Amino acid sequence: MLDLNCPQTRQTLISERLDNNRPLIASELAAEFDISLDTLRRDLIALEQRGVLQRIRGGAIPASPPLPPYATRALRPEPGLDALAEAVAPMLAGLGTVILDGGTTMNVVAARLPEGFDGLVVTPAPSVALAALQRGARVHLIGGALCPDGAIATGGEAERAISQIAADICLLGACGLWPGFGLSAEDSAEAGVKRAMAGASRRVAVVALQSKLARRGRHRILGAEEIDLLVTDASPEETGPFRDAGTEVHHV
């Protein structure tokens, strides 16, 4: 017989309930354990301090491991990015203006631009600009203070410059992509620039490895319903909530 009056017992049960596809709901757990919300909140705080979960409004989700520094990620891109980039390339053929986000995913996407691409690439990321230039594309580099997380230009100057662009599509990488929270970033300035890129584009696409669907950053960029296209190697079961929100999903 489980002793639900024991914090260790409750916290073990909570840990076992963590699921990457559904947040834990505090009110449901409190009712199930027959404890107050304040008592449950103390359990969640204890588990968060141990790195087991991340508290969110109304409940909790699994803890996201910290991302390595950008310089490390750029030197050793994650396996699977080449396949995502190869899937994206045909989608860009014939487009006039494309906004590319920064980060390791977009570095690879820019290096795989379609042969003979004659559109304009707009990006706030110097490394993405160079990769696109090497593919023969015309490039417009947005200036501003570089964010260390994604090595992209941020701040009001960058956001204003992006707002003057009328793009056919923007491709965004993902720090985190959680169904109930949407696309997110760890840095608020980076999140602001990504919102500006989405706002300047007729169509918004997110390119993300499966591992990013189990993460949630601190700052929300877009809700799932604001994402037109998701290109990912995640399974159909994992992307179901995005399809339900109206997002077109391309599985690689």
Protein backbone atom coordinates (compact mmCIF):
# COMPACT_ATOMS: atom_id res chain seq x y z
CA MET A 1 0.00 0.00 0.00
CA LEU A 2 1.48 3.31 -1.07
CA ASP A 3 1.75 6.00 1.59
CA LEU A 4 0.69 9.16 -0.24
CA ASN A 5 1.30 11.18 2.90
CA CYS A 6 5.02 10.62 2.28
CA PRO A 7 6.59 13.29 0.00
CA GLN A 8 9.16 10.81 -1.36
CA THR A 9 6.39 8.43 -2.44
CA ARG A 10 4.44 11.18 -4.18
CA GLN A 11 7.53 12.56 -5.88
CA THR A 12 8.47 9.12 -7.17
CA LEU A 13 4.99 8.72 -8.65
CA ILE A 14 5.14 12.19 -10.20
CA SER A 15 8.52 11.38 -11.78
CA GLU A 16 7.09 8.20 -13.30
CA ARG A 17 4.17 10.15 -14.82
CA LEU A 18 6.35 12.57 -16.77
CA ASP A 19 5.61 12.32 -20.49
CA ASN A 20 7.20 14.26 -23.33
CA ASN A 21 3.85 14.51 -25.13
CA ARG A 22 1.63 15.77 -22.31
CA PRO A 23 2.23 18.08 -19.35
CA LEU A 24 1.33 17.03 -15.83
CA ILE A 25 -1.74 18.91 -14.60
CA ALA A 26 -1.37 20.08 -11.01
CA SER A 27 -5.09 20.03 -10.16
CA GLU A 28 -5.44 16.46 -11.44
CA LEU A 29 -2.46 15.22 -9.41
CA ALA A 30 -3.65 16.99 -6.26
CA ALA A 31 -7.08 15.38 -6.58
CA GLU A 32 -5.61 11.94 -7.27
CA PHE A 33 -3.24 12.12 -4.28
CA ASP A 34 -5.92 13.78 -2.10
CA ILE A 35 -3.58 16.62 -1.15
CA SER A 36 -3.78 20.40 -1.39
CA LEU A 37 -2.37 22.32 -4.35
CA ASP A 38 0.14 23.93 -1.97
CA THR A 39 1.45 20.50 -0.94
CA LEU A 40 1.69 19.41 -4.56
CA ARG A 41 3.46 22.64 -5.44
CA ARG A 42 6.11 21.85 -2.83
CA ASP A 43 6.59 18.42 -4.42
CA LEU A 44 7.03 20.00 -7.86
CA ILE A 45 9.51 22.55 -6.50
CA ALA A 46 11.54 19.75 -4.90
CA LEU A 47 11.61 17.79 -8.16
CA GLU A 48 12.52 20.89 -10.15
CA GLN A 49 15.43 21.60 -7.80
CA ARG A 50 16.66 18.05 -8.44
CA GLY A 51 16.48 18.63 -12.20
CA VAL A 52 13.68 16.11 -12.76
CA LEU A 53 11.05 18.46 -14.19
CA GLN A 54 10.30 22.02 -15.19
CA ARG A 55 7.34 23.78 -13.62
CA ILE A 56 4.94 25.55 -15.94
CA ARG A 57 1.67 27.37 -15.32
CA GLY A 58 -0.77 24.80 -13.96
CA GLY A 59 1.63 21.86 -13.83
CA ALA A 60 4.97 20.55 -15.02
CA ILE A 61 6.84 19.03 -17.96
CA PRO A 62 10.05 16.96 -18.15
CA ALA A 63 13.22 18.96 -17.52
CA SER A 64 15.09 19.99 -20.66
CA PRO A 65 18.84 19.35 -20.64
CA PRO A 66 20.85 22.54 -21.25
CA LEU A 67 21.97 23.13 -24.81
CA PRO A 68 25.73 23.12 -25.45
CA PRO A 69 27.27 26.51 -26.36
CA TYR A 70 26.68 27.62 -29.95
CA ALA A 71 30.39 27.30 -30.84
CA THR A 72 30.33 23.64 -29.79
CA ARG A 73 27.12 22.93 -31.69
CA ALA A 74 28.42 24.65 -34.82
CA LEU A 75 31.56 22.51 -34.86
CA ARG A 76 29.61 19.28 -34.29
CA PRO A 77 26.14 19.57 -35.85
CA GLU A 78 23.62 17.02 -34.63
CA PRO A 79 23.03 13.91 -36.76
CA GLY A 80 19.90 14.26 -38.83
CA LEU A 81 20.30 17.90 -39.87
CA ASP A 82 21.48 16.97 -43.37
CA ALA A 83 18.28 15.00 -43.97
CA LEU A 84 16.13 17.91 -42.80
CA ALA A 85 18.03 20.33 -45.04
CA GLU A 86 17.68 18.04 -48.05
CA ALA A 87 13.93 17.92 -47.46
CA VAL A 88 13.67 21.70 -47.20
CA ALA A 89 15.72 22.57 -50.31
CA PRO A 90 13.06 21.71 -52.95
CA MET A 91 10.50 23.81 -51.05
CA LEU A 92 12.58 26.95 -51.66
CA ALA A 93 12.97 26.58 -55.43
CA GLY A 94 11.35 29.45 -57.31
CA LEU A 95 10.73 31.65 -54.27
CA GLY A 96 11.68 35.31 -54.40
CA THR A 97 12.59 36.19 -50.81
CA VAL A 98 13.42 33.73 -48.05
CA ILE A 99 14.20 34.62 -44.43
CA LEU A 100 16.55 32.18 -42.73
CA ASP A 101 16.94 32.08 -38.96
CA GLY A 102 20.30 31.48 -37.31
CA GLY A 103 21.69 28.47 -35.47
CA THR A 104 23.21 25.18 -36.52
CA THR A 105 20.08 23.95 -38.30
CA MET A 106 19.97 26.99 -40.58
CA ASN A 107 23.71 26.76 -41.24
CA VAL A 108 23.07 23.36 -42.81
CA VAL A 109 19.91 24.51 -44.62
CA ALA A 110 21.78 27.45 -46.17
CA ALA A 111 24.55 25.12 -47.32
CA ARG A 112 21.91 23.00 -49.10
CA LEU A 113 20.08 25.77 -50.96
CA PRO A 114 18.73 24.52 -54.31
CA GLU A 115 21.08 24.61 -57.28
CA GLY A 116 20.58 27.83 -59.20
CA PHE A 117 18.58 29.49 -56.42
CA ASP A 118 18.17 33.09 -57.60
CA GLY A 119 16.03 34.46 -54.80
CA LEU A 120 17.10 36.77 -51.99
CA VAL A 121 18.15 35.28 -48.64
CA VAL A 122 17.55 37.57 -45.66
CA THR A 123 19.14 36.50 -42.38
CA PRO A 124 20.29 37.96 -39.06
CA ALA A 125 23.02 35.29 -38.79
CA PRO A 126 26.50 35.94 -40.25
CA SER A 127 27.30 32.21 -40.53
CA VAL A 128 24.06 31.56 -42.43
CA ALA A 129 24.76 34.53 -44.71
CA LEU A 130 28.20 33.15 -45.61
CA ALA A 131 26.83 29.65 -46.26
CA ALA A 132 24.12 31.06 -48.55
CA LEU A 133 26.65 33.27 -50.33
CA GLN A 134 28.80 30.22 -51.03
CA ARG A 135 25.78 28.66 -52.76
CA GLY A 136 25.57 31.65 -55.08
CA ALA A 137 22.51 33.26 -53.48
CA ARG A 138 21.96 36.98 -53.12
CA VAL A 139 22.13 37.78 -49.41
CA HIS A 140 20.89 40.61 -47.21
CA LEU A 141 22.45 40.44 -43.73
CA ILE A 142 20.49 42.03 -40.87
CA GLY A 143 22.68 43.85 -38.34
CA GLY A 144 22.47 44.17 -34.57
CA ALA A 145 23.96 42.84 -31.34
CA LEU A 146 24.79 39.14 -31.71
CA CYS A 147 22.97 36.81 -29.32
CA PRO A 148 25.41 34.16 -28.02
CA ASP A 149 22.79 31.37 -27.97
CA GLY A 150 22.06 31.35 -31.69
CA ALA A 151 24.66 33.80 -33.07
CA ILE A 152 21.98 36.01 -34.62
CA ALA A 153 21.57 39.79 -34.60
CA THR A 154 19.04 40.95 -32.01
CA GLY A 155 17.57 44.14 -30.64
CA GLY A 156 15.29 46.89 -31.88
CA GLU A 157 17.48 47.74 -34.87
CA ALA A 158 17.33 44.16 -36.15
CA GLU A 159 13.59 43.86 -35.54
CA ARG A 160 12.86 47.14 -37.36
CA ALA A 161 14.98 46.10 -40.34
CA ILE A 162 13.20 42.75 -40.58
CA SER A 163 9.78 44.43 -40.37
CA GLN A 164 10.55 46.22 -43.66
CA ILE A 165 10.94 42.90 -45.51
CA ALA A 166 8.13 41.11 -47.38
CA ALA A 167 9.20 37.46 -47.57
CA ASP A 168 7.58 34.44 -49.17
CA ILE A 169 8.63 32.20 -46.29
CA CYS A 170 10.77 32.23 -43.18
CA LEU A 171 12.51 29.14 -41.86
CA LEU A 172 12.96 29.05 -38.11
CA GLY A 173 15.09 26.70 -36.07
CA ALA A 174 13.89 25.52 -32.67
CA CYS A 175 15.36 25.72 -29.21
CA GLY A 176 12.15 24.16 -27.94
CA LEU A 177 8.91 23.06 -29.58
CA TRP A 178 6.25 22.01 -27.09
CA PRO A 179 2.66 21.44 -28.33
CA GLY A 180 0.98 23.39 -25.53
CA PHE A 181 3.48 26.25 -25.60
CA GLY A 182 4.61 26.39 -29.21
CA LEU A 183 8.01 27.46 -30.49
CA SER A 184 10.28 28.88 -27.80
CA ALA A 185 13.76 30.27 -27.14
CA GLU A 186 15.95 30.63 -24.08
CA ASP A 187 16.86 34.26 -24.85
CA SER A 188 14.16 36.96 -24.90
CA ALA A 189 15.97 39.10 -27.48
CA GLU A 190 16.34 36.11 -29.80
CA ALA A 191 12.64 35.33 -29.36
CA GLY A 192 11.79 38.91 -30.38
CA VAL A 193 13.77 38.69 -33.61
CA LYS A 194 12.21 35.35 -34.48
CA ARG A 195 8.74 36.84 -33.98
CA ALA A 196 9.71 39.68 -36.31
CA MET A 197 10.86 37.18 -38.96
CA ALA A 198 7.55 35.33 -38.73
CA GLY A 199 5.62 38.60 -38.95
CA ALA A 200 7.47 39.61 -42.11
CA SER A 201 6.69 36.36 -43.94
CA ARG A 202 3.70 35.05 -45.83
CA ARG A 203 4.42 31.53 -44.60
CA VAL A 204 6.21 30.30 -41.46
CA ALA A 205 8.10 27.01 -41.38
CA VAL A 206 9.90 25.43 -38.43
CA VAL A 207 12.72 22.97 -39.09
CA ALA A 208 13.41 20.85 -36.01
CA LEU A 209 14.93 17.56 -34.97
CA GLN A 210 12.82 15.22 -32.85
CA SER A 211 14.89 16.10 -29.78
CA LYS A 212 13.59 19.68 -29.88
CA LEU A 213 9.98 18.51 -29.54
CA ALA A 214 10.77 17.42 -25.98
CA ARG A 215 12.09 20.86 -24.96
CA ARG A 216 10.52 24.11 -23.85
CA GLY A 217 12.48 27.36 -23.71
CA ARG A 218 11.78 30.26 -21.37
CA HIS A 219 10.30 32.60 -23.98
CA ARG A 220 7.40 31.82 -26.30
CA ILE A 221 7.85 32.82 -29.93
CA LEU A 222 4.81 31.41 -31.73
CA GLY A 223 1.89 29.20 -30.83
CA ALA A 224 1.48 25.92 -32.68
CA GLU A 225 -1.47 27.42 -34.56
CA GLU A 226 0.83 30.13 -35.98
CA ILE A 227 3.21 27.63 -37.59
CA ASP A 228 2.26 26.81 -41.18
CA LEU A 229 4.77 24.02 -41.77
CA LEU A 230 6.86 21.75 -39.56
CA VAL A 231 9.73 19.78 -41.11
CA THR A 232 10.98 17.15 -38.68
CA ASP A 233 12.25 13.62 -38.18
CA ALA A 234 9.83 13.10 -35.28
CA SER A 235 7.19 10.39 -35.52
CA PRO A 236 3.58 11.04 -36.60
CA GLU A 237 2.49 10.30 -33.02
CA GLU A 238 4.79 13.02 -31.67
CA THR A 239 3.62 15.60 -34.20
CA GLY A 240 -0.09 14.83 -33.80
CA PRO A 241 -0.79 17.89 -31.60
CA PHE A 242 0.72 20.17 -34.25
CA ARG A 243 -1.44 18.67 -37.00
CA ASP A 244 -4.44 19.12 -34.72
CA ALA A 245 -3.50 22.81 -34.44
CA GLY A 246 -3.58 23.14 -38.23
CA THR A 247 0.15 22.84 -38.94
CA GLU A 248 1.21 20.98 -42.07
CA VAL A 249 3.84 18.40 -41.08
CA HIS A 250 6.52 17.05 -43.40
CA HIS A 251 8.16 13.93 -41.96
CA VAL A 252 11.74 13.11 -42.95
